[in-house]
Amino acid sequence: MKSHILRRFESKLEDMNDQLCYFLFSDVEVNNIFSELTDDVLDSFTTEVFFENEFSKRLHIKIEALPEFRKKAFHTLVSMSVIASVEYLLSFIEEIEEFRAQITPSVHDEIKNKKPEEQLKLKLTNWLGNEPESAIIKTMKYLRLRRNHIAHVREELSDGFRSLIKNDSNQLNTYWSIQPTELNGFDFAKKSYAEFEINEVFALLNLSRICMRETDSAVLSTIAEEEIAHYELPSFLENKKLNGLKIDVKSRKFSAFLQHQYGKKIPCADTVIRTHLKNA
């Protein structure tokens, strides 16, 4: 089972992955053009060599400086991509917690912690009856601190980030090495973040995606399917196209609606809608 919230955020990550692939594809083609430039134009400006390009005036640098600008462009793009992917992860956590609170409210919904992954851990521990996988929570912490390191333009690792790398990187490397997720040799123990490697960026995006999936699965496991059906029924019945339809048709459509929303057939759908319409 998968929530519609997860599908929405996964779609954003997939778009980001595709755009990153497009940039890398374009970057190779651009580099092919740069490699054909002869030494006699290295001292010329972009406006002179690429005069048909409307953005050459905005850039207006010497040709010999283009390779360094190309390199910086890559690191700027991937830095923004990492920041955005972690923001998606943190927003997803917030929304899935709120989603559960709407369906099956509990006293644990009021648990607050400045660290989103710790708040999630405390809530899941109470909802599940046991602690969630520690490696997933620590991976979320790693991603958040990595995001902070980039967004806050830090030259040195924060104490929290340095402590996590020192104490938990071995566990994280071991955990992810036996998972089916392809991380292309990503190393949680790495301490130098001056530059990104291509495989590293895709690994970070994959980590955000998997953390979302694991969280979604854990949260949904604490909600009864009947509660989900009751929660979704009012919005389903708001569809005016259902007016005048026989109950058998409405039941089939409701079952199809739930299967579309959650990617799984929910057997109690028929009973829930029939009981509701009978008592309405």
C-alpha atoms as a PDB file:
ATOM      1  CA  MET A   1       0.000   0.000   0.000  1.00  0.00           C
ATOM      2  CA  LYS A   2       1.175   3.482  -0.835  1.00  0.00           C
ATOM      3  CA  SER A   3      -0.346   6.814   0.166  1.00  0.00           C
ATOM      4  CA  HIS A   4      -1.269   9.477  -2.379  1.00  0.00           C
ATOM      5  CA  ILE A   5       1.052  11.779  -0.431  1.00  0.00           C
ATOM      6  CA  LEU A   6       4.021   9.536  -1.188  1.00  0.00           C
ATOM      7  CA  ARG A   7       3.085   9.338  -4.878  1.00  0.00           C
ATOM      8  CA  ARG A   8       3.047  13.125  -5.114  1.00  0.00           C
ATOM      9  CA  PHE A   9       6.470  13.577  -3.524  1.00  0.00           C
ATOM     10  CA  GLU A  10       7.967  10.637  -5.416  1.00  0.00           C
ATOM     11  CA  SER A  11       6.812  12.273  -8.633  1.00  0.00           C
ATOM     12  CA  LYS A  12       8.732  15.435  -7.692  1.00  0.00           C
ATOM     13  CA  LEU A  13      11.879  13.434  -7.010  1.00  0.00           C
ATOM     14  CA  GLU A  14      11.503  11.617 -10.315  1.00  0.00           C
ATOM     15  CA  ASP A  15      11.202  14.959 -12.116  1.00  0.00           C
ATOM     16  CA  MET A  16      14.319  16.180 -10.337  1.00  0.00           C
ATOM     17  CA  ASN A  17      16.182  13.028 -11.308  1.00  0.00           C
ATOM     18  CA  ASP A  18      15.126  13.448 -14.949  1.00  0.00           C
ATOM     19  CA  GLN A  19      16.164  17.109 -15.009  1.00  0.00           C
ATOM     20  CA  LEU A  20      19.521  16.225 -13.521  1.00  0.00           C
ATOM     21  CA  CYS A  21      20.001  13.590 -16.230  1.00  0.00           C
ATOM     22  CA  TYR A  22      19.066  16.183 -18.843  1.00  0.00           C
ATOM     23  CA  PHE A  23      21.613  18.631 -17.448  1.00  0.00           C
ATOM     24  CA  LEU A  24      24.345  15.985 -17.496  1.00  0.00           C
ATOM     25  CA  PHE A  25      23.418  15.041 -21.050  1.00  0.00           C
ATOM     26  CA  SER A  26      23.536  18.705 -22.106  1.00  0.00           C
ATOM     27  CA  ASP A  27      26.752  19.254 -20.194  1.00  0.00           C
ATOM     28  CA  VAL A  28      28.512  16.548 -22.170  1.00  0.00           C
ATOM     29  CA  GLU A  29      27.351  18.121 -25.431  1.00  0.00           C
ATOM     30  CA  VAL A  30      28.486  21.567 -24.263  1.00  0.00           C
ATOM     31  CA  ASN A  31      31.867  20.169 -23.305  1.00  0.00           C
ATOM     32  CA  ASN A  32      32.174  18.703 -26.801  1.00  0.00           C
ATOM     33  CA  ILE A  33      31.672  22.197 -28.207  1.00  0.00           C
ATOM     34  CA  PHE A  34      34.196  23.705 -25.801  1.00  0.00           C
ATOM     35  CA  SER A  35      36.758  21.055 -26.710  1.00  0.00           C
ATOM     36  CA  GLU A  36      36.621  22.140 -30.365  1.00  0.00           C
ATOM     37  CA  LEU A  37      37.533  25.736 -29.560  1.00  0.00           C
ATOM     38  CA  THR A  38      41.048  26.599 -30.713  1.00  0.00           C
ATOM     39  CA  ASP A  39      43.701  28.356 -28.673  1.00  0.00           C
ATOM     40  CA  ASP A  40      43.454  31.529 -30.707  1.00  0.00           C
ATOM     41  CA  VAL A  41      39.982  32.315 -29.250  1.00  0.00           C
ATOM     42  CA  LEU A  42      40.804  31.663 -25.585  1.00  0.00           C
ATOM     43  CA  ASP A  43      41.386  35.376 -24.968  1.00  0.00           C
ATOM     44  CA  SER A  44      38.147  36.354 -26.701  1.00  0.00           C
ATOM     45  CA  PHE A  45      34.864  36.991 -24.903  1.00  0.00           C
ATOM     46  CA  THR A  46      31.701  34.936 -25.136  1.00  0.00           C
ATOM     47  CA  THR A  47      30.001  37.842 -26.937  1.00  0.00           C
ATOM     48  CA  GLU A  48      32.561  37.559 -29.722  1.00  0.00           C
ATOM     49  CA  VAL A  49      32.578  33.793 -30.190  1.00  0.00           C
ATOM     50  CA  PHE A  50      28.948  32.999 -29.340  1.00  0.00           C
ATOM     51  CA  PHE A  51      27.418  36.213 -30.678  1.00  0.00           C
ATOM     52  CA  GLU A  52      24.224  34.406 -31.750  1.00  0.00           C
ATOM     53  CA  ASN A  53      23.564  33.272 -28.202  1.00  0.00           C
ATOM     54  CA  GLU A  54      21.294  35.827 -26.532  1.00  0.00           C
ATOM     55  CA  PHE A  55      22.791  35.075 -23.112  1.00  0.00           C
ATOM     56  CA  SER A  56      26.424  35.620 -24.080  1.00  0.00           C
ATOM     57  CA  LYS A  57      26.094  39.284 -23.078  1.00  0.00           C
ATOM     58  CA  ARG A  58      24.842  38.368 -19.616  1.00  0.00           C
ATOM     59  CA  LEU A  59      27.752  36.009 -19.109  1.00  0.00           C
ATOM     60  CA  HIS A  60      30.414  38.061 -20.903  1.00  0.00           C
ATOM     61  CA  ILE A  61      33.550  36.241 -19.812  1.00  0.00           C
ATOM     62  CA  LYS A  62      36.642  35.101 -21.630  1.00  0.00           C
ATOM     63  CA  ILE A  63      36.489  31.761 -23.377  1.00  0.00           C
ATOM     64  CA  GLU A  64      39.332  30.428 -21.267  1.00  0.00           C
ATOM     65  CA  ALA A  65      37.136  30.881 -18.168  1.00  0.00           C
ATOM     66  CA  LEU A  66      34.258  28.751 -19.509  1.00  0.00           C
ATOM     67  CA  PRO A  67      35.518  25.361 -18.214  1.00  0.00           C
ATOM     68  CA  GLU A  68      35.628  26.673 -14.640  1.00  0.00           C
ATOM     69  CA  PHE A  69      32.155  28.185 -15.020  1.00  0.00           C
ATOM     70  CA  ARG A  70      30.909  24.856 -16.340  1.00  0.00           C
ATOM     71  CA  LYS A  71      32.314  23.114 -13.282  1.00  0.00           C
ATOM     72  CA  LYS A  72      30.703  25.642 -10.919  1.00  0.00           C
ATOM     73  CA  ALA A  73      27.384  25.317 -12.734  1.00  0.00           C
ATOM     74  CA  PHE A  74      27.362  21.581 -12.056  1.00  0.00           C
ATOM     75  CA  HIS A  75      28.077  21.988  -8.342  1.00  0.00           C
ATOM     76  CA  THR A  76      25.502  24.764  -7.973  1.00  0.00           C
ATOM     77  CA  LEU A  77      22.814  22.676  -9.660  1.00  0.00           C
ATOM     78  CA  VAL A  78      23.475  19.545  -7.658  1.00  0.00           C
ATOM     79  CA  SER A  79      23.688  21.523  -4.410  1.00  0.00           C
ATOM     80  CA  MET A  80      20.232  22.967  -5.087  1.00  0.00           C
ATOM     81  CA  SER A  81      18.985  19.511  -6.044  1.00  0.00           C
ATOM     82  CA  VAL A  82      20.181  18.015  -2.760  1.00  0.00           C
ATOM     83  CA  ILE A  83      18.620  20.852  -0.766  1.00  0.00           C
ATOM     84  CA  ALA A  84      15.316  20.454  -2.614  1.00  0.00           C
ATOM     85  CA  SER A  85      15.247  16.657  -2.243  1.00  0.00           C
ATOM     86  CA  VAL A  86      15.717  16.914   1.522  1.00  0.00           C
ATOM     87  CA  GLU A  87      13.073  19.638   1.717  1.00  0.00           C
ATOM     88  CA  TYR A  88      10.704  17.243  -0.070  1.00  0.00           C
ATOM     89  CA  LEU A  89      11.570  14.551   2.464  1.00  0.00           C
ATOM     90  CA  LEU A  90      10.944  16.813   5.455  1.00  0.00           C
ATOM     91  CA  SER A  91       7.691  18.127   3.961  1.00  0.00           C
ATOM     92  CA  PHE A  92       6.582  14.567   3.297  1.00  0.00           C
ATOM     93  CA  ILE A  93       7.218  13.627   6.941  1.00  0.00           C
ATOM     94  CA  GLU A  94       5.122  16.564   8.087  1.00  0.00           C
ATOM     95  CA  GLU A  95       2.253  15.725   5.744  1.00  0.00           C
ATOM     96  CA  ILE A  96       2.168  11.988   6.466  1.00  0.00           C
ATOM     97  CA  GLU A  97       2.079  12.673  10.219  1.00  0.00           C
ATOM     98  CA  GLU A  98      -0.829  15.062   9.704  1.00  0.00           C
ATOM     99  CA  PHE A  99      -2.536  12.541   7.413  1.00  0.00           C
ATOM    100  CA  ARG A 100      -2.478   9.882  10.115  1.00  0.00           C
ATOM    101  CA  ALA A 101      -3.696  12.346  12.737  1.00  0.00           C
ATOM    102  CA  GLN A 102      -6.743  13.100  10.572  1.00  0.00           C
ATOM    103  CA  ILE A 103      -7.637   9.438  10.082  1.00  0.00           C
ATOM    104  CA  THR A 104      -6.924   8.027  13.526  1.00  0.00           C
ATOM    105  CA  PRO A 105      -6.185  10.771  16.077  1.00  0.00           C
ATOM    106  CA  SER A 106      -4.106   9.881  19.137  1.00  0.00           C
ATOM    107  CA  VAL A 107      -2.464  11.663  22.074  1.00  0.00           C
ATOM    108  CA  HIS A 108       0.882  11.031  20.408  1.00  0.00           C
ATOM    109  CA  ASP A 109       0.013  13.424  17.577  1.00  0.00           C
ATOM    110  CA  GLU A 110       1.021  16.269  19.913  1.00  0.00           C
ATOM    111  CA  ILE A 111       4.616  15.050  20.240  1.00  0.00           C
ATOM    112  CA  LYS A 112       6.963  17.843  19.166  1.00  0.00           C
ATOM    113  CA  ASN A 113      10.693  17.878  18.482  1.00  0.00           C
ATOM    114  CA  LYS A 114      12.814  20.445  16.652  1.00  0.00           C
ATOM    115  CA  LYS A 115      14.447  17.594  14.732  1.00  0.00           C
ATOM    116  CA  PRO A 116      11.839  16.172  12.304  1.00  0.00           C
ATOM    117  CA  GLU A 117      13.377  12.689  12.223  1.00  0.00           C
ATOM    118  CA  GLU A 118      13.355  12.504  16.043  1.00  0.00           C
ATOM    119  CA  GLN A 119       9.740  13.632  16.172  1.00  0.00           C
ATOM    120  CA  LEU A 120       8.846  10.947  13.635  1.00  0.00           C
ATOM    121  CA  LYS A 121      10.771   8.346  15.612  1.00  0.00           C
ATOM    122  CA  LEU A 122       8.912   9.186  18.842  1.00  0.00           C
ATOM    123  CA  LYS A 123       5.528   9.076  17.118  1.00  0.00           C
ATOM    124  CA  LEU A 124       6.233   5.829  15.264  1.00  0.00           C
ATOM    125  CA  THR A 125       7.510   4.196  18.450  1.00  0.00           C
ATOM    126  CA  ASN A 126       4.144   4.856  20.076  1.00  0.00           C
ATOM    127  CA  TRP A 127       2.076   4.030  17.007  1.00  0.00           C
ATOM    128  CA  LEU A 128       3.966   0.834  16.174  1.00  0.00           C
ATOM    129  CA  GLY A 129       4.638  -0.319  19.729  1.00  0.00           C
ATOM    130  CA  ASN A 130       8.355  -0.575  18.980  1.00  0.00           C
ATOM    131  CA  GLU A 131      11.103   1.678  17.600  1.00  0.00           C
ATOM    132  CA  PRO A 132      11.347   2.058  13.810  1.00  0.00           C
ATOM    133  CA  GLU A 133      14.511   1.002  11.956  1.00  0.00           C
ATOM    134  CA  SER A 134      17.283   3.143  13.458  1.00  0.00           C
ATOM    135  CA  ALA A 135      19.272   3.257  10.203  1.00  0.00           C
ATOM    136  CA  ILE A 136      16.364   4.956   8.418  1.00  0.00           C
ATOM    137  CA  ILE A 137      16.034   7.595  11.152  1.00  0.00           C
ATOM    138  CA  LYS A 138      19.793   8.198  11.154  1.00  0.00           C
ATOM    139  CA  THR A 139      19.803   8.445   7.358  1.00  0.00           C
ATOM    140  CA  MET A 140      17.143  11.153   7.589  1.00  0.00           C
ATOM    141  CA  LYS A 141      19.302  12.938  10.146  1.00  0.00           C
ATOM    142  CA  TYR A 142      22.314  12.653   7.837  1.00  0.00           C
ATOM    143  CA  LEU A 143      20.336  14.096   4.929  1.00  0.00           C
ATOM    144  CA  ARG A 144      19.009  16.981   7.026  1.00  0.00           C
ATOM    145  CA  LEU A 145      22.481  17.860   8.329  1.00  0.00           C
ATOM    146  CA  ARG A 146      23.969  17.530   4.849  1.00  0.00           C
ATOM    147  CA  ARG A 147      21.271  19.912   3.599  1.00  0.00           C
ATOM    148  CA  ASN A 148      22.076  22.352   6.412  1.00  0.00           C
ATOM    149  CA  HIS A 149      25.780  22.202   5.599  1.00  0.00           C
ATOM    150  CA  ILE A 150      25.062  23.301   2.022  1.00  0.00           C
ATOM    151  CA  ALA A 151      22.234  25.775   2.669  1.00  0.00           C
ATOM    152  CA  HIS A 152      24.010  27.533   5.536  1.00  0.00           C
ATOM    153  CA  VAL A 153      27.220  27.815   3.484  1.00  0.00           C
ATOM    154  CA  ARG A 154      29.313  26.207   6.212  1.00  0.00           C
ATOM    155  CA  GLU A 155      33.013  25.702   5.744  1.00  0.00           C
ATOM    156  CA  GLU A 156      33.268  23.335   8.708  1.00  0.00           C
ATOM    157  CA  LEU A 157      31.007  20.471   9.723  1.00  0.00           C
ATOM    158  CA  SER A 158      28.597  21.242  12.548  1.00  0.00           C
ATOM    159  CA  ASP A 159      29.143  19.397  15.828  1.00  0.00           C
ATOM    160  CA  GLY A 160      26.019  17.341  15.214  1.00  0.00           C
ATOM    161  CA  PHE A 161      27.083  16.364  11.706  1.00  0.00           C
ATOM    162  CA  ARG A 162      30.616  15.522  12.799  1.00  0.00           C
ATOM    163  CA  SER A 163      29.253  13.393  15.649  1.00  0.00           C
ATOM    164  CA  LEU A 164      26.891  11.488  13.358  1.00  0.00           C
ATOM    165  CA  ILE A 165      29.690  10.715  10.890  1.00  0.00           C
ATOM    166  CA  LYS A 166      31.982   9.584  13.702  1.00  0.00           C
ATOM    167  CA  ASN A 167      29.454   7.426  15.545  1.00  0.00           C
ATOM    168  CA  ASP A 168      26.979   6.221  12.928  1.00  0.00           C
ATOM    169  CA  SER A 169      28.624   6.188   9.484  1.00  0.00           C
ATOM    170  CA  ASN A 170      29.785   2.562   9.837  1.00  0.00           C
ATOM    171  CA  GLN A 171      26.283   1.414  10.755  1.00  0.00           C
ATOM    172  CA  LEU A 172      24.782   3.346   7.834  1.00  0.00           C
ATOM    173  CA  ASN A 173      27.334   2.050   5.332  1.00  0.00           C
ATOM    174  CA  THR A 174      26.713  -1.511   6.519  1.00  0.00           C
ATOM    175  CA  TYR A 175      22.930  -1.144   6.463  1.00  0.00           C
ATOM    176  CA  TRP A 176      22.733   0.333   2.969  1.00  0.00           C
ATOM    177  CA  SER A 177      25.310  -2.080   1.545  1.00  0.00           C
ATOM    178  CA  ILE A 178      22.843  -4.951   1.977  1.00  0.00           C
ATOM    179  CA  GLN A 179      19.794  -3.067   0.707  1.00  0.00           C
ATOM    180  CA  PRO A 180      18.632  -3.355  -2.923  1.00  0.00           C
ATOM    181  CA  THR A 181      18.957   0.421  -3.377  1.00  0.00           C
ATOM    182  CA  GLU A 182      21.763   1.373  -5.750  1.00  0.00           C
ATOM    183  CA  LEU A 183      24.026   3.953  -4.079  1.00  0.00           C
ATOM    184  CA  ASN A 184      27.086   3.477  -6.311  1.00  0.00           C
ATOM    185  CA  GLY A 185      29.598   3.267  -3.480  1.00  0.00           C
ATOM    186  CA  PHE A 186      28.234   6.219  -1.508  1.00  0.00           C
ATOM    187  CA  ASP A 187      30.212   6.644   1.741  1.00  0.00           C
ATOM    188  CA  PHE A 188      28.561   8.116   4.835  1.00  0.00           C
ATOM    189  CA  ALA A 189      31.999   8.509   6.426  1.00  0.00           C
ATOM    190  CA  LYS A 190      33.171  11.027   3.846  1.00  0.00           C
ATOM    191  CA  LYS A 191      33.996  14.401   5.431  1.00  0.00           C
ATOM    192  CA  SER A 192      34.998  16.501   2.420  1.00  0.00           C
ATOM    193  CA  TYR A 193      32.105  18.244   0.703  1.00  0.00           C
ATOM    194  CA  ALA A 194      33.916  20.882  -1.340  1.00  0.00           C
ATOM    195  CA  GLU A 195      32.774  19.207  -4.549  1.00  0.00           C
ATOM    196  CA  PHE A 196      30.125  16.692  -5.579  1.00  0.00           C
ATOM    197  CA  GLU A 197      30.628  13.550  -7.568  1.00  0.00           C
ATOM    198  CA  ILE A 198      27.900  12.601 -10.037  1.00  0.00           C
ATOM    199  CA  ASN A 199      27.092   9.244  -8.419  1.00  0.00           C
ATOM    200  CA  GLU A 200      26.949  10.925  -5.018  1.00  0.00           C
ATOM    201  CA  VAL A 201      24.098  13.193  -6.098  1.00  0.00           C
ATOM    202  CA  PHE A 202      21.973  10.332  -7.423  1.00  0.00           C
ATOM    203  CA  ALA A 203      22.674   8.403  -4.208  1.00  0.00           C
ATOM    204  CA  LEU A 204      21.413  11.290  -2.058  1.00  0.00           C
ATOM    205  CA  LEU A 205      18.231  11.569  -4.122  1.00  0.00           C
ATOM    206  CA  ASN A 206      17.701   7.817  -3.824  1.00  0.00           C
ATOM    207  CA  LEU A 207      18.177   7.976  -0.056  1.00  0.00           C
ATOM    208  CA  SER A 208      15.473  10.634   0.235  1.00  0.00           C
ATOM    209  CA  ARG A 209      13.150   8.510  -1.886  1.00  0.00           C
ATOM    210  CA  ILE A 210      13.701   5.326   0.122  1.00  0.00           C
ATOM    211  CA  CYS A 211      13.307   7.136   3.433  1.00  0.00           C
ATOM    212  CA  MET A 212       9.951   8.418   2.192  1.00  0.00           C
ATOM    213  CA  ARG A 213       8.854   4.929   1.153  1.00  0.00           C
ATOM    214  CA  GLU A 214       9.893   3.338   4.431  1.00  0.00           C
ATOM    215  CA  THR A 215       8.131   6.054   6.422  1.00  0.00           C
ATOM    216  CA  ASP A 216       4.986   5.781   4.327  1.00  0.00           C
ATOM    217  CA  SER A 217       4.887   2.016   4.786  1.00  0.00           C
ATOM    218  CA  ALA A 218       5.448   2.281   8.542  1.00  0.00           C
ATOM    219  CA  VAL A 219       2.764   4.922   9.042  1.00  0.00           C
ATOM    220  CA  LEU A 220       0.176   3.138   6.888  1.00  0.00           C
ATOM    221  CA  SER A 221       0.812  -0.082   8.815  1.00  0.00           C
ATOM    222  CA  THR A 222      -0.569   1.659  11.914  1.00  0.00           C
ATOM    223  CA  ILE A 223      -3.869   2.562  10.207  1.00  0.00           C
ATOM    224  CA  ALA A 224      -6.652   0.025   9.729  1.00  0.00           C
ATOM    225  CA  GLU A 225      -7.908  -0.286   6.154  1.00  0.00           C
ATOM    226  CA  GLU A 226     -11.462   0.284   7.380  1.00  0.00           C
ATOM    227  CA  GLU A 227     -10.362   3.615   8.890  1.00  0.00           C
ATOM    228  CA  ILE A 228      -8.879   4.624   5.543  1.00  0.00           C
ATOM    229  CA  ALA A 229     -12.108   3.705   3.764  1.00  0.00           C
ATOM    230  CA  HIS A 230     -14.196   5.747   6.225  1.00  0.00           C
ATOM    231  CA  TYR A 231     -11.783   8.679   5.857  1.00  0.00           C
ATOM    232  CA  GLU A 232     -11.920   8.714   2.059  1.00  0.00           C
ATOM    233  CA  LEU A 233     -15.661   8.089   1.703  1.00  0.00           C
ATOM    234  CA  PRO A 234     -16.934  11.684   2.249  1.00  0.00           C
ATOM    235  CA  SER A 235     -14.675  13.172  -0.435  1.00  0.00           C
ATOM    236  CA  PHE A 236     -15.611  10.327  -2.794  1.00  0.00           C
ATOM    237  CA  LEU A 237     -19.342  10.979  -2.328  1.00  0.00           C
ATOM    238  CA  GLU A 238     -18.887  14.686  -3.096  1.00  0.00           C
ATOM    239  CA  ASN A 239     -18.615  13.710  -6.765  1.00  0.00           C
ATOM    240  CA  LYS A 240     -21.922  14.843  -8.268  1.00  0.00           C
ATOM    241  CA  LYS A 241     -21.550  12.321 -11.086  1.00  0.00           C
ATOM    242  CA  LEU A 242     -22.492   9.639  -8.549  1.00  0.00           C
ATOM    243  CA  ASN A 243     -25.985  11.072  -8.114  1.00  0.00           C
ATOM    244  CA  GLY A 244     -28.650   8.665  -9.300  1.00  0.00           C
ATOM    245  CA  LEU A 245     -26.320   5.682  -9.620  1.00  0.00           C
ATOM    246  CA  LYS A 246     -27.288   2.344  -8.080  1.00  0.00           C
ATOM    247  CA  ILE A 247     -25.480   1.294  -4.929  1.00  0.00           C
ATOM    248  CA  ASP A 248     -23.722  -1.574  -6.730  1.00  0.00           C
ATOM    249  CA  VAL A 249     -22.188   0.894  -9.178  1.00  0.00           C
ATOM    250  CA  LYS A 250     -21.196   3.295  -6.399  1.00  0.00           C
ATOM    251  CA  SER A 251     -19.577   0.433  -4.514  1.00  0.00           C
ATOM    252  CA  ARG A 252     -17.517  -0.633  -7.531  1.00  0.00           C
ATOM    253  CA  LYS A 253     -16.439   2.936  -8.171  1.00  0.00           C
ATOM    254  CA  PHE A 254     -15.489   3.435  -4.514  1.00  0.00           C
ATOM    255  CA  SER A 255     -13.395   0.271  -4.544  1.00  0.00           C
ATOM    256  CA  ALA A 256     -11.676   1.449  -7.733  1.00  0.00           C
ATOM    257  CA  PHE A 257     -11.145   4.895  -6.204  1.00  0.00           C
ATOM    258  CA  LEU A 258      -9.418   3.461  -3.137  1.00  0.00           C
ATOM    259  CA  GLN A 259      -7.288   1.136  -5.237  1.00  0.00           C
ATOM    260  CA  HIS A 260      -6.184   4.096  -7.345  1.00  0.00           C
ATOM    261  CA  GLN A 261      -5.426   6.193  -4.249  1.00  0.00           C
ATOM    262  CA  TYR A 262      -3.474   3.535  -2.369  1.00  0.00           C
ATOM    263  CA  GLY A 263      -2.331   1.082  -5.037  1.00  0.00           C
ATOM    264  CA  LYS A 264      -4.069  -1.806  -3.300  1.00  0.00           C
ATOM    265  CA  LYS A 265      -7.542  -3.294  -3.232  1.00  0.00           C
ATOM    266  CA  ILE A 266      -9.246  -2.583   0.087  1.00  0.00           C
ATOM    267  CA  PRO A 267     -11.760  -5.416   0.681  1.00  0.00           C
ATOM    268  CA  CYS A 268     -13.882  -3.551   3.233  1.00  0.00           C
ATOM    269  CA  ALA A 269     -14.750  -0.779   0.741  1.00  0.00           C
ATOM    270  CA  ASP A 270     -18.047  -2.401  -0.257  1.00  0.00           C
ATOM    271  CA  THR A 271     -19.209  -2.860   3.343  1.00  0.00           C
ATOM    272  CA  VAL A 272     -18.209   0.664   4.341  1.00  0.00           C
ATOM    273  CA  ILE A 273     -20.083   2.422   1.546  1.00  0.00           C
ATOM    274  CA  ARG A 274     -23.169   0.201   1.780  1.00  0.00           C
ATOM    275  CA  THR A 275     -23.423   0.727   5.539  1.00  0.00           C
ATOM    276  CA  HIS A 276     -22.990   4.477   5.136  1.00  0.00           C
ATOM    277  CA  LEU A 277     -25.635   4.801   2.421  1.00  0.00           C
ATOM    278  CA  LYS A 278     -28.042   2.618   4.346  1.00  0.00           C
ATOM    279  CA  ASN A 279     -27.769   4.803   7.442  1.00  0.00           C
ATOM    280  CA  ALA A 280     -27.679   8.107   5.576  1.00  0.00           C
END
